[in-house]
Amino acid sequence: MANEVSVVTPEQRDLAVVEVSSRLVACNGGGGVLGHPLTYYEVGPEGVAVCNYCDKKFVLAHPTGEAHG
């Protein structure tokens, strides 16, 4: 199984909460002059990770262990 990394896109720059599909996320604040250094976070068991620079919250779309329909 390949490891996936969810990265903030320019379209998500202004979102306070970003839904992701992988447990490993990378945030650069949306890039460009409004961004910050690229940092990586692991979504914890509660299904959430928060960027230490911009406070963007990453929420796992389907946390592991939960039923999907």
N, C-alpha and C. Protein backbone atom coordinates (compact mmCIF):
# COMPACT_ATOMS: atom_id res chain seq x y z
N MET A 1 0.84 -1.19 0.00
CA MET A 1 0.00 0.00 0.00
C MET A 1 0.89 1.24 0.00
N ALA A 2 0.69 2.11 -0.94
CA ALA A 2 1.49 3.33 -1.04
C ALA A 2 1.00 4.36 -0.03
N ASN A 3 1.96 5.10 0.54
CA ASN A 3 1.59 6.18 1.46
C ASN A 3 1.15 7.39 0.65
N GLU A 4 0.03 7.96 1.01
CA GLU A 4 -0.49 9.14 0.35
C GLU A 4 -0.26 10.34 1.26
N VAL A 5 -0.05 11.50 0.65
CA VAL A 5 0.08 12.74 1.40
C VAL A 5 -0.93 13.72 0.82
N SER A 6 -1.79 14.27 1.67
CA SER A 6 -2.73 15.30 1.24
C SER A 6 -2.05 16.65 1.43
N VAL A 7 -2.03 17.49 0.39
CA VAL A 7 -1.38 18.79 0.43
C VAL A 7 -2.42 19.88 0.18
N VAL A 8 -2.32 20.99 0.90
CA VAL A 8 -3.24 22.12 0.72
C VAL A 8 -3.06 22.68 -0.68
N THR A 9 -4.15 22.88 -1.38
CA THR A 9 -4.12 23.48 -2.71
C THR A 9 -4.41 24.97 -2.60
N PRO A 10 -4.06 25.76 -3.62
CA PRO A 10 -4.39 27.19 -3.58
C PRO A 10 -5.88 27.46 -3.38
N GLU A 11 -6.72 26.56 -3.91
CA GLU A 11 -8.17 26.73 -3.75
C GLU A 11 -8.60 26.55 -2.29
N GLN A 12 -7.82 25.83 -1.50
CA GLN A 12 -8.15 25.57 -0.10
C GLN A 12 -7.51 26.57 0.85
N ARG A 13 -6.75 27.51 0.33
CA ARG A 13 -6.00 28.46 1.15
C ARG A 13 -6.88 29.18 2.18
N ASP A 14 -8.08 29.59 1.82
CA ASP A 14 -8.93 30.36 2.71
C ASP A 14 -9.87 29.51 3.56
N LEU A 15 -9.80 28.21 3.42
CA LEU A 15 -10.65 27.32 4.22
C LEU A 15 -10.04 27.10 5.59
N ALA A 16 -10.86 27.17 6.63
CA ALA A 16 -10.39 26.90 7.99
C ALA A 16 -10.28 25.40 8.24
N VAL A 17 -11.13 24.62 7.55
CA VAL A 17 -11.14 23.17 7.70
C VAL A 17 -11.02 22.54 6.31
N VAL A 18 -10.08 21.59 6.19
CA VAL A 18 -9.86 20.90 4.92
C VAL A 18 -10.10 19.41 5.14
N GLU A 19 -10.99 18.83 4.36
CA GLU A 19 -11.25 17.39 4.44
C GLU A 19 -10.18 16.68 3.62
N VAL A 20 -9.53 15.67 4.24
CA VAL A 20 -8.46 14.93 3.58
C VAL A 20 -8.79 13.45 3.53
N SER A 21 -8.11 12.73 2.63
CA SER A 21 -8.38 11.31 2.48
C SER A 21 -7.23 10.44 2.99
N SER A 22 -6.16 11.07 3.47
CA SER A 22 -5.03 10.31 3.99
C SER A 22 -4.65 10.81 5.38
N ARG A 23 -3.97 9.97 6.13
CA ARG A 23 -3.57 10.32 7.49
C ARG A 23 -2.34 11.22 7.54
N LEU A 24 -1.60 11.30 6.44
CA LEU A 24 -0.43 12.17 6.36
C LEU A 24 -0.81 13.39 5.55
N VAL A 25 -0.64 14.58 6.14
CA VAL A 25 -0.99 15.82 5.45
C VAL A 25 0.20 16.76 5.44
N ALA A 26 0.25 17.62 4.44
CA ALA A 26 1.30 18.62 4.33
C ALA A 26 0.63 19.98 4.15
N CYS A 27 1.12 20.97 4.87
CA CYS A 27 0.53 22.31 4.79
C CYS A 27 1.63 23.33 4.52
N ASN A 28 1.38 24.20 3.55
CA ASN A 28 2.27 25.33 3.28
C ASN A 28 1.46 26.63 3.31
N GLY A 29 0.30 26.57 3.91
CA GLY A 29 -0.57 27.73 4.02
C GLY A 29 -1.25 28.09 2.71
N GLY A 30 -1.15 27.26 1.71
CA GLY A 30 -1.74 27.54 0.40
C GLY A 30 -0.73 28.03 -0.61
N GLY A 31 0.52 28.20 -0.18
CA GLY A 31 1.58 28.57 -1.11
C GLY A 31 1.63 30.05 -1.40
N GLY A 32 2.57 30.42 -2.24
CA GLY A 32 2.73 31.82 -2.63
C GLY A 32 3.17 32.70 -1.47
N VAL A 33 2.97 33.99 -1.62
CA VAL A 33 3.40 34.95 -0.60
C VAL A 33 2.59 34.85 0.69
N LEU A 34 1.42 34.23 0.63
CA LEU A 34 0.59 34.08 1.82
C LEU A 34 0.87 32.77 2.55
N GLY A 35 1.83 32.00 2.06
CA GLY A 35 2.10 30.69 2.64
C GLY A 35 3.10 30.73 3.79
N HIS A 36 3.56 29.55 4.17
CA HIS A 36 4.56 29.37 5.21
C HIS A 36 5.38 28.14 4.85
N PRO A 37 6.44 27.82 5.60
CA PRO A 37 7.24 26.63 5.27
C PRO A 37 6.37 25.37 5.23
N LEU A 38 6.72 24.46 4.34
CA LEU A 38 6.00 23.20 4.23
C LEU A 38 6.21 22.37 5.49
N THR A 39 5.12 21.99 6.12
CA THR A 39 5.17 21.17 7.33
C THR A 39 4.26 19.97 7.15
N TYR A 40 4.64 18.88 7.79
CA TYR A 40 3.88 17.63 7.69
C TYR A 40 3.26 17.29 9.03
N TYR A 41 2.06 16.73 8.98
CA TYR A 41 1.33 16.33 10.18
C TYR A 41 0.68 14.99 9.95
N GLU A 42 0.52 14.23 11.02
CA GLU A 42 -0.20 12.97 10.96
C GLU A 42 -1.54 13.15 11.64
N VAL A 43 -2.60 12.78 10.94
CA VAL A 43 -3.94 12.85 11.52
C VAL A 43 -4.03 11.77 12.59
N GLY A 44 -4.38 12.18 13.79
CA GLY A 44 -4.42 11.26 14.92
C GLY A 44 -5.68 10.41 14.95
N PRO A 45 -5.80 9.60 16.01
CA PRO A 45 -6.93 8.69 16.14
C PRO A 45 -8.29 9.40 16.18
N GLU A 46 -8.28 10.66 16.60
CA GLU A 46 -9.54 11.42 16.64
C GLU A 46 -9.94 11.94 15.27
N GLY A 47 -9.07 11.73 14.25
CA GLY A 47 -9.40 12.12 12.88
C GLY A 47 -9.10 13.56 12.53
N VAL A 48 -8.25 14.24 13.35
CA VAL A 48 -7.97 15.66 13.13
C VAL A 48 -6.48 15.94 13.31
N ALA A 49 -5.96 16.88 12.50
CA ALA A 49 -4.61 17.43 12.67
C ALA A 49 -4.73 18.94 12.46
N VAL A 50 -3.91 19.72 13.17
CA VAL A 50 -3.97 21.17 13.07
C VAL A 50 -2.56 21.70 12.75
N CYS A 51 -2.47 22.60 11.76
CA CYS A 51 -1.20 23.19 11.37
C CYS A 51 -0.71 24.13 12.47
N ASN A 52 0.57 24.01 12.82
CA ASN A 52 1.16 24.86 13.85
C ASN A 52 1.39 26.29 13.38
N TYR A 53 1.41 26.52 12.07
CA TYR A 53 1.63 27.86 11.54
C TYR A 53 0.33 28.63 11.32
N CYS A 54 -0.60 28.05 10.58
CA CYS A 54 -1.80 28.80 10.17
C CYS A 54 -3.08 28.32 10.83
N ASP A 55 -2.98 27.33 11.71
CA ASP A 55 -4.13 26.79 12.44
C ASP A 55 -5.19 26.13 11.54
N LYS A 56 -4.81 25.83 10.29
CA LYS A 56 -5.74 25.13 9.41
C LYS A 56 -5.97 23.74 9.99
N LYS A 57 -7.23 23.31 10.02
CA LYS A 57 -7.60 22.02 10.59
C LYS A 57 -7.83 21.03 9.45
N PHE A 58 -7.20 19.87 9.56
CA PHE A 58 -7.36 18.79 8.60
C PHE A 58 -8.21 17.70 9.23
N VAL A 59 -9.31 17.35 8.57
CA VAL A 59 -10.24 16.36 9.09
C VAL A 59 -10.27 15.18 8.13
N LEU A 60 -10.06 13.99 8.66
CA LEU A 60 -10.07 12.78 7.84
C LEU A 60 -11.49 12.49 7.38
N ALA A 61 -11.65 12.30 6.07
CA ALA A 61 -12.97 12.09 5.48
C ALA A 61 -13.64 10.83 6.03
N HIS A 62 -12.90 9.73 6.12
CA HIS A 62 -13.43 8.47 6.64
C HIS A 62 -12.42 7.89 7.59
N PRO A 63 -12.46 8.26 8.88
CA PRO A 63 -11.49 7.73 9.83
C PRO A 63 -11.43 6.21 9.81
N THR A 64 -10.23 5.66 9.93
CA THR A 64 -10.01 4.22 9.94
C THR A 64 -10.83 3.58 11.05
N GLY A 65 -11.47 2.48 10.73
CA GLY A 65 -12.25 1.77 11.73
C GLY A 65 -13.73 2.11 11.72
N GLU A 66 -14.11 3.15 10.99
CA GLU A 66 -15.52 3.50 10.92
C GLU A 66 -16.15 2.87 9.69
N ALA A 67 -17.40 2.55 9.80
CA ALA A 67 -18.14 1.97 8.67
C ALA A 67 -18.40 3.06 7.63
N HIS A 68 -18.39 2.68 6.37
CA HIS A 68 -18.62 3.61 5.27
C HIS A 68 -19.94 3.26 4.59
N GLY A 69 -21.04 3.45 5.23
CA GLY A 69 -22.30 3.25 4.56
C GLY A 69 -22.76 1.89 4.66
